[in-house]
Amino acid sequence: MFSPRARSPRSRSSSSAHVDRPTVATATTVQVKGGEFFFKLSTKSAARPGKVTFVFKNTGHVLHDFSIHGKKTPLIQPGKTAKLVVSFTKKGKYGYLCTVPGHAQAGMKGTFTVR
């Protein structure tokens, strides 16, 4: 009788360990391709607030950057990639754009949603 009772708490503790893993994995990675004059994101939203890593690849022929929530990549050469890690603490809609003059107006802008 003692053995089954001893196993029950172990089962419960291992269950709670499984519950902890998804809550720890709040980081999201978004692939971003940008060129003349567009951005294409692998997803336009994050499931919850937390860290989001934007991996920006310049697929165009001129310099571009990627800016969101007060952070931005450096100007990226054509064919090159840069990472930008942004912490979102609240749900909401966040605008992104290329800060090169005229590029956002030409279409290099959009909205990222944190749910």
PDB file of N, CA and C in Angstrom:
ATOM      1  N   MET A   1       0.803  -1.200   0.000  1.00  0.00           N
ATOM      2  CA  MET A   1       0.000   0.000   0.000  1.00  0.00           C
ATOM      3  C   MET A   1       0.845   1.264   0.000  1.00  0.00           C
ATOM      4  N   PHE A   2       1.986   1.195   0.631  1.00  0.00           N
ATOM      5  CA  PHE A   2       2.815   2.388   0.685  1.00  0.00           C
ATOM      6  C   PHE A   2       3.441   2.710  -0.662  1.00  0.00           C
ATOM      7  N   SER A   3       3.769   1.708  -1.447  1.00  0.00           N
ATOM      8  CA  SER A   3       4.400   1.954  -2.738  1.00  0.00           C
ATOM      9  C   SER A   3       3.503   2.733  -3.695  1.00  0.00           C
ATOM     10  N   PRO A   4       2.229   2.339  -3.868  1.00  0.00           N
ATOM     11  CA  PRO A   4       1.392   3.121  -4.778  1.00  0.00           C
ATOM     12  C   PRO A   4       1.223   4.570  -4.318  1.00  0.00           C
ATOM     13  N   ARG A   5       1.112   4.780  -3.011  1.00  0.00           N
ATOM     14  CA  ARG A   5       0.965   6.154  -2.529  1.00  0.00           C
ATOM     15  C   ARG A   5       2.244   6.954  -2.780  1.00  0.00           C
ATOM     16  N   ALA A   6       3.373   6.315  -2.650  1.00  0.00           N
ATOM     17  CA  ALA A   6       4.637   6.997  -2.906  1.00  0.00           C
ATOM     18  C   ALA A   6       4.752   7.368  -4.382  1.00  0.00           C
ATOM     19  N   ARG A   7       4.200   6.556  -5.247  1.00  0.00           N
ATOM     20  CA  ARG A   7       4.271   6.840  -6.683  1.00  0.00           C
ATOM     21  C   ARG A   7       3.329   7.963  -7.086  1.00  0.00           C
ATOM     22  N   SER A   8       2.194   8.077  -6.445  1.00  0.00           N
ATOM     23  CA  SER A   8       1.237   9.121  -6.807  1.00  0.00           C
ATOM     24  C   SER A   8       1.843  10.512  -6.714  1.00  0.00           C
ATOM     25  N   PRO A   9       2.487  10.864  -5.594  1.00  0.00           N
ATOM     26  CA  PRO A   9       3.087  12.203  -5.556  1.00  0.00           C
ATOM     27  C   PRO A   9       4.161  12.377  -6.625  1.00  0.00           C
ATOM     28  N   ARG A  10       4.918  11.334  -6.907  1.00  0.00           N
ATOM     29  CA  ARG A  10       5.928  11.449  -7.964  1.00  0.00           C
ATOM     30  C   ARG A  10       5.262  11.734  -9.298  1.00  0.00           C
ATOM     31  N   SER A  11       4.170  11.049  -9.578  1.00  0.00           N
ATOM     32  CA  SER A  11       3.452  11.276 -10.828  1.00  0.00           C
ATOM     33  C   SER A  11       2.978  12.710 -10.912  1.00  0.00           C
ATOM     34  N   ARG A  12       2.469  13.212  -9.809  1.00  0.00           N
ATOM     35  CA  ARG A  12       1.985  14.592  -9.807  1.00  0.00           C
ATOM     36  C   ARG A  12       3.129  15.569 -10.023  1.00  0.00           C
ATOM     37  N   SER A  13       4.257  15.337  -9.371  1.00  0.00           N
ATOM     38  CA  SER A  13       5.362  16.267  -9.537  1.00  0.00           C
ATOM     39  C   SER A  13       5.912  16.216 -10.953  1.00  0.00           C
ATOM     40  N   SER A  14       5.937  15.045 -11.574  1.00  0.00           N
ATOM     41  CA  SER A  14       6.424  15.000 -12.956  1.00  0.00           C
ATOM     42  C   SER A  14       5.429  15.663 -13.889  1.00  0.00           C
ATOM     43  N   SER A  15       4.130  15.613 -13.549  1.00  0.00           N
ATOM     44  CA  SER A  15       3.129  16.318 -14.355  1.00  0.00           C
ATOM     45  C   SER A  15       3.343  17.815 -14.265  1.00  0.00           C
ATOM     46  N   SER A  16       3.617  18.307 -13.072  1.00  0.00           N
ATOM     47  CA  SER A  16       3.818  19.740 -12.939  1.00  0.00           C
ATOM     48  C   SER A  16       5.091  20.172 -13.668  1.00  0.00           C
ATOM     49  N   ALA A  17       6.078  19.297 -13.746  1.00  0.00           N
ATOM     50  CA  ALA A  17       7.290  19.620 -14.498  1.00  0.00           C
ATOM     51  C   ALA A  17       6.956  19.790 -15.980  1.00  0.00           C
ATOM     52  N   HIS A  18       6.057  18.973 -16.486  1.00  0.00           N
ATOM     53  CA  HIS A  18       5.649  19.110 -17.884  1.00  0.00           C
ATOM     54  C   HIS A  18       4.891  20.412 -18.104  1.00  0.00           C
ATOM     55  N   VAL A  19       4.137  20.848 -17.107  1.00  0.00           N
ATOM     56  CA  VAL A  19       3.387  22.094 -17.208  1.00  0.00           C
ATOM     57  C   VAL A  19       4.348  23.275 -17.234  1.00  0.00           C
ATOM     58  N   ASP A  20       5.449  23.186 -16.493  1.00  0.00           N
ATOM     59  CA  ASP A  20       6.408  24.278 -16.444  1.00  0.00           C
ATOM     60  C   ASP A  20       7.085  24.529 -17.785  1.00  0.00           C
ATOM     61  N   ARG A  21       7.357  23.503 -18.542  1.00  0.00           N
ATOM     62  CA  ARG A  21       8.086  23.667 -19.796  1.00  0.00           C
ATOM     63  C   ARG A  21       7.396  24.617 -20.770  1.00  0.00           C
ATOM     64  N   PRO A  22       6.091  24.483 -21.042  1.00  0.00           N
ATOM     65  CA  PRO A  22       5.462  25.419 -21.978  1.00  0.00           C
ATOM     66  C   PRO A  22       5.469  26.856 -21.483  1.00  0.00           C
ATOM     67  N   THR A  23       5.325  27.079 -20.169  1.00  0.00           N
ATOM     68  CA  THR A  23       5.299  28.449 -19.686  1.00  0.00           C
ATOM     69  C   THR A  23       6.678  29.100 -19.775  1.00  0.00           C
ATOM     70  N   VAL A  24       7.733  28.325 -19.708  1.00  0.00           N
ATOM     71  CA  VAL A  24       9.080  28.861 -19.843  1.00  0.00           C
ATOM     72  C   VAL A  24       9.355  29.246 -21.299  1.00  0.00           C
ATOM     73  N   ALA A  25       8.787  28.504 -22.225  1.00  0.00           N
ATOM     74  CA  ALA A  25       9.040  28.732 -23.650  1.00  0.00           C
ATOM     75  C   ALA A  25       8.155  29.847 -24.190  1.00  0.00           C
ATOM     76  N   THR A  26       8.362  31.083 -23.699  1.00  0.00           N
ATOM     77  CA  THR A  26       7.572  32.212 -24.176  1.00  0.00           C
ATOM     78  C   THR A  26       8.269  32.954 -25.315  1.00  0.00           C
ATOM     79  N   ALA A  27       9.483  32.580 -25.637  1.00  0.00           N
ATOM     80  CA  ALA A  27      10.206  33.245 -26.715  1.00  0.00           C
ATOM     81  C   ALA A  27       9.637  32.821 -28.063  1.00  0.00           C
ATOM     82  N   THR A  28       9.574  33.779 -28.962  1.00  0.00           N
ATOM     83  CA  THR A  28       9.067  33.553 -30.310  1.00  0.00           C
ATOM     84  C   THR A  28      10.113  34.044 -31.297  1.00  0.00           C
ATOM     85  N   THR A  29      10.295  33.317 -32.381  1.00  0.00           N
ATOM     86  CA  THR A  29      11.187  33.769 -33.450  1.00  0.00           C
ATOM     87  C   THR A  29      10.355  34.038 -34.690  1.00  0.00           C
ATOM     88  N   VAL A  30      10.557  35.214 -35.272  1.00  0.00           N
ATOM     89  CA  VAL A  30       9.837  35.621 -36.476  1.00  0.00           C
ATOM     90  C   VAL A  30      10.860  35.871 -37.580  1.00  0.00           C
ATOM     91  N   GLN A  31      10.705  35.159 -38.690  1.00  0.00           N
ATOM     92  CA  GLN A  31      11.559  35.386 -39.859  1.00  0.00           C
ATOM     93  C   GLN A  31      10.989  36.572 -40.631  1.00  0.00           C
ATOM     94  N   VAL A  32      11.843  37.546 -40.947  1.00  0.00           N
ATOM     95  CA  VAL A  32      11.404  38.751 -41.663  1.00  0.00           C
ATOM     96  C   VAL A  32      12.235  38.879 -42.932  1.00  0.00           C
ATOM     97  N   LYS A  33      11.555  38.950 -44.069  1.00  0.00           N
ATOM     98  CA  LYS A  33      12.227  39.237 -45.340  1.00  0.00           C
ATOM     99  C   LYS A  33      11.799  40.624 -45.770  1.00  0.00           C
ATOM    100  N   GLY A  34      12.770  41.421 -46.203  1.00  0.00           N
ATOM    101  CA  GLY A  34      12.457  42.780 -46.638  1.00  0.00           C
ATOM    102  C   GLY A  34      13.209  43.131 -47.895  1.00  0.00           C
ATOM    103  N   GLY A  35      12.532  43.847 -48.771  1.00  0.00           N
ATOM    104  CA  GLY A  35      13.133  44.296 -50.032  1.00  0.00           C
ATOM    105  C   GLY A  35      12.360  45.489 -50.551  1.00  0.00           C
ATOM    106  N   GLU A  36      12.575  45.833 -51.798  1.00  0.00           N
ATOM    107  CA  GLU A  36      11.913  46.998 -52.397  1.00  0.00           C
ATOM    108  C   GLU A  36      10.471  46.651 -52.744  1.00  0.00           C
ATOM    109  N   PHE A  37       9.528  47.157 -52.165  1.00  0.00           N
ATOM    110  CA  PHE A  37       9.412  47.890 -50.897  1.00  0.00           C
ATOM    111  C   PHE A  37       8.362  47.164 -50.084  1.00  0.00           C
ATOM    112  N   PHE A  38       8.796  46.130 -49.391  1.00  0.00           N
ATOM    113  CA  PHE A  38       7.890  45.241 -48.663  1.00  0.00           C
ATOM    114  C   PHE A  38       8.600  44.621 -47.465  1.00  0.00           C
ATOM    115  N   PHE A  39       7.797  44.132 -46.524  1.00  0.00           N
ATOM    116  CA  PHE A  39       8.243  43.217 -45.477  1.00  0.00           C
ATOM    117  C   PHE A  39       7.331  42.009 -45.540  1.00  0.00           C
ATOM    118  N   LYS A  40       7.891  40.822 -45.387  1.00  0.00           N
ATOM    119  CA  LYS A  40       7.097  39.604 -45.274  1.00  0.00           C
ATOM    120  C   LYS A  40       7.547  38.898 -44.001  1.00  0.00           C
ATOM    121  N   LEU A  41       6.621  38.779 -43.030  1.00  0.00           N
ATOM    122  CA  LEU A  41       6.910  38.137 -41.753  1.00  0.00           C
ATOM    123  C   LEU A  41       6.362  36.720 -41.759  1.00  0.00           C
ATOM    124  N   SER A  42       7.097  35.783 -41.133  1.00  0.00           N
ATOM    125  CA  SER A  42       6.635  34.394 -41.051  1.00  0.00           C
ATOM    126  C   SER A  42       5.360  34.294 -40.218  1.00  0.00           C
ATOM    127  N   THR A  43       5.176  35.212 -39.284  1.00  0.00           N
ATOM    128  CA  THR A  43       3.930  35.355 -38.538  1.00  0.00           C
ATOM    129  C   THR A  43       3.804  36.815 -38.151  1.00  0.00           C
ATOM    130  N   LYS A  44       2.586  37.309 -38.105  1.00  0.00           N
ATOM    131  CA  LYS A  44       2.372  38.711 -37.756  1.00  0.00           C
ATOM    132  C   LYS A  44       1.864  38.875 -36.337  1.00  0.00           C
ATOM    133  N   SER A  45       2.036  37.800 -35.513  1.00  0.00           N
ATOM    134  CA  SER A  45       1.583  37.907 -34.133  1.00  0.00           C
ATOM    135  C   SER A  45       2.374  36.977 -33.220  1.00  0.00           C
ATOM    136  N   ALA A  46       2.334  37.320 -31.921  1.00  0.00           N
ATOM    137  CA  ALA A  46       2.890  36.465 -30.874  1.00  0.00           C
ATOM    138  C   ALA A  46       1.728  36.068 -29.976  1.00  0.00           C
ATOM    139  N   ALA A  47       1.754  34.848 -29.482  1.00  0.00           N
ATOM    140  CA  ALA A  47       0.650  34.322 -28.678  1.00  0.00           C
ATOM    141  C   ALA A  47       0.495  35.028 -27.339  1.00  0.00           C
ATOM    142  N   ARG A  48       1.587  35.574 -26.816  1.00  0.00           N
ATOM    143  CA  ARG A  48       1.543  36.227 -25.504  1.00  0.00           C
ATOM    144  C   ARG A  48       2.726  37.192 -25.400  1.00  0.00           C
ATOM    145  N   PRO A  49       2.653  38.123 -24.442  1.00  0.00           N
ATOM    146  CA  PRO A  49       3.812  39.003 -24.226  1.00  0.00           C
ATOM    147  C   PRO A  49       5.055  38.191 -23.873  1.00  0.00           C
ATOM    148  N   GLY A  50       6.210  38.713 -24.210  1.00  0.00           N
ATOM    149  CA  GLY A  50       7.490  38.065 -23.941  1.00  0.00           C
ATOM    150  C   GLY A  50       8.506  38.507 -24.970  1.00  0.00           C
ATOM    151  N   LYS A  51       9.621  37.782 -25.025  1.00  0.00           N
ATOM    152  CA  LYS A  51      10.681  38.115 -25.970  1.00  0.00           C
ATOM    153  C   LYS A  51      10.355  37.571 -27.352  1.00  0.00           C
ATOM    154  N   VAL A  52      10.583  38.411 -28.350  1.00  0.00           N
ATOM    155  CA  VAL A  52      10.427  38.002 -29.743  1.00  0.00           C
ATOM    156  C   VAL A  52      11.739  38.318 -30.453  1.00  0.00           C
ATOM    157  N   THR A  53      12.285  37.308 -31.133  1.00  0.00           N
ATOM    158  CA  THR A  53      13.490  37.507 -31.930  1.00  0.00           C
ATOM    159  C   THR A  53      13.072  37.640 -33.380  1.00  0.00           C
ATOM    160  N   PHE A  54      13.345  38.806 -33.963  1.00  0.00           N
ATOM    161  CA  PHE A  54      13.079  39.043 -35.373  1.00  0.00           C
ATOM    162  C   PHE A  54      14.381  38.788 -36.129  1.00  0.00           C
ATOM    163  N   VAL A  55      14.358  37.859 -37.067  1.00  0.00           N
ATOM    164  CA  VAL A  55      15.529  37.558 -37.886  1.00  0.00           C
ATOM    165  C   VAL A  55      15.261  38.189 -39.250  1.00  0.00           C
ATOM    166  N   PHE A  56      15.882  39.356 -39.480  1.00  0.00           N
ATOM    167  CA  PHE A  56      15.629  40.152 -40.679  1.00  0.00           C
ATOM    168  C   PHE A  56      16.651  39.863 -41.763  1.00  0.00           C
ATOM    169  N   LYS A  57      16.160  39.456 -42.941  1.00  0.00           N
ATOM    170  CA  LYS A  57      17.030  39.244 -44.094  1.00  0.00           C
ATOM    171  C   LYS A  57      16.665  40.257 -45.168  1.00  0.00           C
ATOM    172  N   ASN A  58      17.664  40.997 -45.613  1.00  0.00           N
ATOM    173  CA  ASN A  58      17.465  41.968 -46.692  1.00  0.00           C
ATOM    174  C   ASN A  58      17.524  41.223 -48.025  1.00  0.00           C
ATOM    175  N   THR A  59      16.358  41.013 -48.621  1.00  0.00           N
ATOM    176  CA  THR A  59      16.290  40.319 -49.913  1.00  0.00           C
ATOM    177  C   THR A  59      16.269  41.304 -51.081  1.00  0.00           C
ATOM    178  N   GLY A  60      16.447  42.591 -50.770  1.00  0.00           N
ATOM    179  CA  GLY A  60      16.409  43.625 -51.806  1.00  0.00           C
ATOM    180  C   GLY A  60      17.772  43.910 -52.406  1.00  0.00           C
ATOM    181  N   HIS A  61      17.861  45.078 -53.053  1.00  0.00           N
ATOM    182  CA  HIS A  61      19.085  45.475 -53.750  1.00  0.00           C
ATOM    183  C   HIS A  61      19.731  46.731 -53.170  1.00  0.00           C
ATOM    184  N   VAL A  62      19.095  47.307 -52.145  1.00  0.00           N
ATOM    185  CA  VAL A  62      19.639  48.487 -51.472  1.00  0.00           C
ATOM    186  C   VAL A  62      19.601  48.261 -49.966  1.00  0.00           C
ATOM    187  N   LEU A  63      20.181  49.168 -49.196  1.00  0.00           N
ATOM    188  CA  LEU A  63      20.192  49.058 -47.737  1.00  0.00           C
ATOM    189  C   LEU A  63      18.784  49.172 -47.161  1.00  0.00           C
ATOM    190  N   HIS A  64      18.497  48.351 -46.131  1.00  0.00           N
ATOM    191  CA  HIS A  64      17.239  48.411 -45.396  1.00  0.00           C
ATOM    192  C   HIS A  64      17.526  48.123 -43.928  1.00  0.00           C
ATOM    193  N   ASP A  65      16.583  48.515 -43.067  1.00  0.00           N
ATOM    194  CA  ASP A  65      16.622  48.106 -41.666  1.00  0.00           C
ATOM    195  C   ASP A  65      15.218  47.682 -41.259  1.00  0.00           C
ATOM    196  N   PHE A  66      15.095  47.206 -40.013  1.00  0.00           N
ATOM    197  CA  PHE A  66      13.807  46.782 -39.480  1.00  0.00           C
ATOM    198  C   PHE A  66      13.678  47.393 -38.099  1.00  0.00           C
ATOM    199  N   SER A  67      12.612  48.171 -37.882  1.00  0.00           N
ATOM    200  CA  SER A  67      12.417  48.876 -36.624  1.00  0.00           C
ATOM    201  C   SER A  67      11.042  48.535 -36.051  1.00  0.00           C
ATOM    202  N   ILE A  68      11.027  48.212 -34.733  1.00  0.00           N
ATOM    203  CA  ILE A  68       9.776  47.921 -34.036  1.00  0.00           C
ATOM    204  C   ILE A  68       9.948  48.206 -32.549  1.00  0.00           C
ATOM    205  N   HIS A  69       8.940  48.794 -31.933  1.00  0.00           N
ATOM    206  CA  HIS A  69       8.869  49.009 -30.484  1.00  0.00           C
ATOM    207  C   HIS A  69      10.121  49.723 -29.940  1.00  0.00           C
ATOM    208  N   GLY A  70      10.586  50.749 -30.679  1.00  0.00           N
ATOM    209  CA  GLY A  70      11.721  51.542 -30.229  1.00  0.00           C
ATOM    210  C   GLY A  70      13.097  50.930 -30.449  1.00  0.00           C
ATOM    211  N   LYS A  71      13.145  49.772 -31.119  1.00  0.00           N
ATOM    212  CA  LYS A  71      14.434  49.127 -31.411  1.00  0.00           C
ATOM    213  C   LYS A  71      14.555  48.956 -32.914  1.00  0.00           C
ATOM    214  N   LYS A  72      15.802  48.914 -33.403  1.00  0.00           N
ATOM    215  CA  LYS A  72      15.986  48.670 -34.836  1.00  0.00           C
ATOM    216  C   LYS A  72      17.322  48.007 -35.108  1.00  0.00           C
ATOM    217  N   THR A  73      17.360  47.320 -36.238  1.00  0.00           N
ATOM    218  CA  THR A  73      18.611  46.723 -36.695  1.00  0.00           C
ATOM    219  C   THR A  73      19.472  47.829 -37.280  1.00  0.00           C
ATOM    220  N   PRO A  74      20.752  47.578 -37.457  1.00  0.00           N
ATOM    221  CA  PRO A  74      21.543  48.526 -38.252  1.00  0.00           C
ATOM    222  C   PRO A  74      21.089  48.422 -39.715  1.00  0.00           C
ATOM    223  N   LEU A  75      21.566  49.316 -40.555  1.00  0.00           N
ATOM    224  CA  LEU A  75      21.288  49.197 -41.993  1.00  0.00           C
ATOM    225  C   LEU A  75      21.971  47.930 -42.494  1.00  0.00           C
ATOM    226  N   ILE A  76      21.216  47.107 -43.205  1.00  0.00           N
ATOM    227  CA  ILE A  76      21.698  45.800 -43.634  1.00  0.00           C
ATOM    228  C   ILE A  76      21.941  45.804 -45.143  1.00  0.00           C
ATOM    229  N   GLN A  77      23.099  45.298 -45.533  1.00  0.00           N
ATOM    230  CA  GLN A  77      23.441  45.164 -46.948  1.00  0.00           C
ATOM    231  C   GLN A  77      22.544  44.117 -47.613  1.00  0.00           C
ATOM    232  N   PRO A  78      22.314  44.222 -48.914  1.00  0.00           N
ATOM    233  CA  PRO A  78      21.542  43.193 -49.632  1.00  0.00           C
ATOM    234  C   PRO A  78      22.140  41.802 -49.403  1.00  0.00           C
ATOM    235  N   GLY A  79      21.259  40.841 -49.141  1.00  0.00           N
ATOM    236  CA  GLY A  79      21.673  39.460 -48.921  1.00  0.00           C
ATOM    237  C   GLY A  79      22.117  39.140 -47.502  1.00  0.00           C
ATOM    238  N   LYS A  80      22.224  40.142 -46.656  1.00  0.00           N
ATOM    239  CA  LYS A  80      22.690  39.935 -45.278  1.00  0.00           C
ATOM    240  C   LYS A  80      21.505  39.807 -44.312  1.00  0.00           C
ATOM    241  N   THR A  81      21.813  39.311 -43.098  1.00  0.00           N
ATOM    242  CA  THR A  81      20.798  39.054 -42.079  1.00  0.00           C
ATOM    243  C   THR A  81      21.211  39.683 -40.758  1.00  0.00           C
ATOM    244  N   ALA A  82      20.226  40.134 -39.982  1.00  0.00           N
ATOM    245  CA  ALA A  82      20.470  40.672 -38.639  1.00  0.00           C
ATOM    246  C   ALA A  82      19.363  40.183 -37.712  1.00  0.00           C
ATOM    247  N   LYS A  83      19.714  40.022 -36.433  1.00  0.00           N
ATOM    248  CA  LYS A  83      18.726  39.617 -35.421  1.00  0.00           C
ATOM    249  C   LYS A  83      18.400  40.815 -34.542  1.00  0.00           C
ATOM    250  N   LEU A  84      17.133  40.883 -34.164  1.00  0.00           N
ATOM    251  CA  LEU A  84      16.677  41.943 -33.277  1.00  0.00           C
ATOM    252  C   LEU A  84      15.786  41.291 -32.219  1.00  0.00           C
ATOM    253  N   VAL A  85      16.174  41.388 -30.944  1.00  0.00           N
ATOM    254  CA  VAL A  85      15.392  40.809 -29.857  1.00  0.00           C
ATOM    255  C   VAL A  85      14.624  41.937 -29.178  1.00  0.00           C
ATOM    256  N   VAL A  86      13.306  41.761 -29.110  1.00  0.00           N
ATOM    257  CA  VAL A  86      12.430  42.789 -28.538  1.00  0.00           C
ATOM    258  C   VAL A  86      11.591  42.154 -27.439  1.00  0.00           C
ATOM    259  N   SER A  87      11.492  42.828 -26.289  1.00  0.00           N
ATOM    260  CA  SER A  87      10.651  42.358 -25.189  1.00  0.00           C
ATOM    261  C   SER A  87       9.339  43.133 -25.208  1.00  0.00           C
ATOM    262  N   PHE A  88       8.258  42.406 -25.384  1.00  0.00           N
ATOM    263  CA  PHE A  88       6.926  42.996 -25.338  1.00  0.00           C
ATOM    264  C   PHE A  88       6.330  42.646 -23.978  1.00  0.00           C
ATOM    265  N   THR A  89       5.995  43.656 -23.182  1.00  0.00           N
ATOM    266  CA  THR A  89       5.474  43.414 -21.843  1.00  0.00           C
ATOM    267  C   THR A  89       3.950  43.452 -21.790  1.00  0.00           C
ATOM    268  N   LYS A  90       3.327  43.959 -22.856  1.00  0.00           N
ATOM    269  CA  LYS A  90       1.867  44.074 -22.879  1.00  0.00           C
ATOM    270  C   LYS A  90       1.302  43.580 -24.200  1.00  0.00           C
ATOM    271  N   LYS A  91       0.045  43.142 -24.129  1.00  0.00           N
ATOM    272  CA  LYS A  91      -0.691  42.816 -25.346  1.00  0.00           C
ATOM    273  C   LYS A  91      -0.901  44.113 -26.119  1.00  0.00           C
ATOM    274  N   GLY A  92      -0.985  44.007 -27.446  1.00  0.00           N
ATOM    275  CA  GLY A  92      -1.250  45.205 -28.230  1.00  0.00           C
ATOM    276  C   GLY A  92      -0.792  45.070 -29.663  1.00  0.00           C
ATOM    277  N   LYS A  93      -0.927  46.170 -30.402  1.00  0.00           N
ATOM    278  CA  LYS A  93      -0.501  46.230 -31.797  1.00  0.00           C
ATOM    279  C   LYS A  93       0.709  47.148 -31.866  1.00  0.00           C
ATOM    280  N   TYR A  94       1.750  46.673 -32.533  1.00  0.00           N
ATOM    281  CA  TYR A  94       3.008  47.401 -32.613  1.00  0.00           C
ATOM    282  C   TYR A  94       3.392  47.591 -34.074  1.00  0.00           C
ATOM    283  N   GLY A  95       3.630  48.840 -34.449  1.00  0.00           N
ATOM    284  CA  GLY A  95       4.011  49.140 -35.828  1.00  0.00           C
ATOM    285  C   GLY A  95       5.475  48.806 -36.073  1.00  0.00           C
ATOM    286  N   TYR A  96       5.762  48.320 -37.278  1.00  0.00           N
ATOM    287  CA  TYR A  96       7.153  48.100 -37.694  1.00  0.00           C
ATOM    288  C   TYR A  96       7.354  48.800 -39.032  1.00  0.00           C
ATOM    289  N   LEU A  97       8.619  49.150 -39.319  1.00  0.00           N
ATOM    290  CA  LEU A  97       8.914  49.858 -40.560  1.00  0.00           C
ATOM    291  C   LEU A  97      10.406  49.841 -40.863  1.00  0.00           C
ATOM    292  N   CYS A  98      10.719  50.243 -42.080  1.00  0.00           N
ATOM    293  CA  CYS A  98      12.105  50.516 -42.490  1.00  0.00           C
ATOM    294  C   CYS A  98      12.292  52.016 -42.307  1.00  0.00           C
ATOM    295  N   THR A  99      13.376  52.422 -41.622  1.00  0.00           N
ATOM    296  CA  THR A  99      13.574  53.843 -41.325  1.00  0.00           C
ATOM    297  C   THR A  99      14.323  54.605 -42.424  1.00  0.00           C
ATOM    298  N   VAL A 100      14.723  53.930 -43.490  1.00  0.00           N
ATOM    299  CA  VAL A 100      15.367  54.634 -44.607  1.00  0.00           C
ATOM    300  C   VAL A 100      14.331  55.606 -45.196  1.00  0.00           C
ATOM    301  N   PRO A 101      14.685  56.878 -45.373  1.00  0.00           N
ATOM    302  CA  PRO A 101      13.711  57.855 -45.860  1.00  0.00           C
ATOM    303  C   PRO A 101      12.973  57.383 -47.121  1.00  0.00           C
ATOM    304  N   GLY A 102      11.645  57.459 -47.039  1.00  0.00           N
ATOM    305  CA  GLY A 102      10.788  57.099 -48.171  1.00  0.00           C
ATOM    306  C   GLY A 102      10.385  55.632 -48.236  1.00  0.00           C
ATOM    307  N   HIS A 103      11.106  54.744 -47.543  1.00  0.00           N
ATOM    308  CA  HIS A 103      10.824  53.313 -47.663  1.00  0.00           C
ATOM    309  C   HIS A 103       9.497  52.913 -46.998  1.00  0.00           C
ATOM    310  N   ALA A 104       9.205  53.436 -45.802  1.00  0.00           N
ATOM    311  CA  ALA A 104       7.933  53.108 -45.144  1.00  0.00           C
ATOM    312  C   ALA A 104       6.765  53.619 -45.992  1.00  0.00           C
ATOM    313  N   GLN A 105       6.900  54.828 -46.526  1.00  0.00           N
ATOM    314  CA  GLN A 105       5.844  55.395 -47.356  1.00  0.00           C
ATOM    315  C   GLN A 105       5.637  54.578 -48.629  1.00  0.00           C
ATOM    316  N   ALA A 106       6.693  53.903 -49.085  1.00  0.00           N
ATOM    317  CA  ALA A 106       6.601  53.080 -50.288  1.00  0.00           C
ATOM    318  C   ALA A 106       6.068  51.675 -50.002  1.00  0.00           C
ATOM    319  N   GLY A 107       5.833  51.359 -48.713  1.00  0.00           N
ATOM    320  CA  GLY A 107       5.231  50.065 -48.385  1.00  0.00           C
ATOM    321  C   GLY A 107       5.956  49.225 -47.353  1.00  0.00           C
ATOM    322  N   MET A 108       7.121  49.685 -46.897  1.00  0.00           N
ATOM    323  CA  MET A 108       7.890  48.881 -45.926  1.00  0.00           C
ATOM    324  C   MET A 108       7.444  49.217 -44.494  1.00  0.00           C
ATOM    325  N   LYS A 109       6.215  48.791 -44.183  1.00  0.00           N
ATOM    326  CA  LYS A 109       5.655  49.019 -42.850  1.00  0.00           C
ATOM    327  C   LYS A 109       4.532  48.023 -42.630  1.00  0.00           C
ATOM    328  N   GLY A 110       4.143  47.850 -41.370  1.00  0.00           N
ATOM    329  CA  GLY A 110       3.048  46.942 -41.037  1.00  0.00           C
ATOM    330  C   GLY A 110       2.799  46.953 -39.548  1.00  0.00           C
ATOM    331  N   THR A 111       1.974  46.000 -39.101  1.00  0.00           N
ATOM    332  CA  THR A 111       1.599  45.904 -37.692  1.00  0.00           C
ATOM    333  C   THR A 111       1.817  44.478 -37.187  1.00  0.00           C
ATOM    334  N   PHE A 112       2.483  44.381 -36.039  1.00  0.00           N
ATOM    335  CA  PHE A 112       2.713  43.120 -35.349  1.00  0.00           C
ATOM    336  C   PHE A 112       1.836  43.108 -34.110  1.00  0.00           C
ATOM    337  N   THR A 113       1.123  42.005 -33.872  1.00  0.00           N
ATOM    338  CA  THR A 113       0.184  41.920 -32.754  1.00  0.00           C
ATOM    339  C   THR A 113       0.695  40.972 -31.674  1.00  0.00           C
ATOM    340  N   VAL A 114       0.641  41.431 -30.432  1.00  0.00           N
ATOM    341  CA  VAL A 114       0.947  40.583 -29.279  1.00  0.00           C
ATOM    342  C   VAL A 114      -0.392  40.306 -28.596  1.00  0.00           C
ATOM    343  N   ARG A 115      -0.768  39.031 -28.526  1.00  0.00           N
ATOM    344  CA  ARG A 115      -2.091  38.665 -27.988  1.00  0.00           C
ATOM    345  C   ARG A 115      -2.089  38.433 -26.497  1.00  0.00           C
TER     346      ARG A 115
END
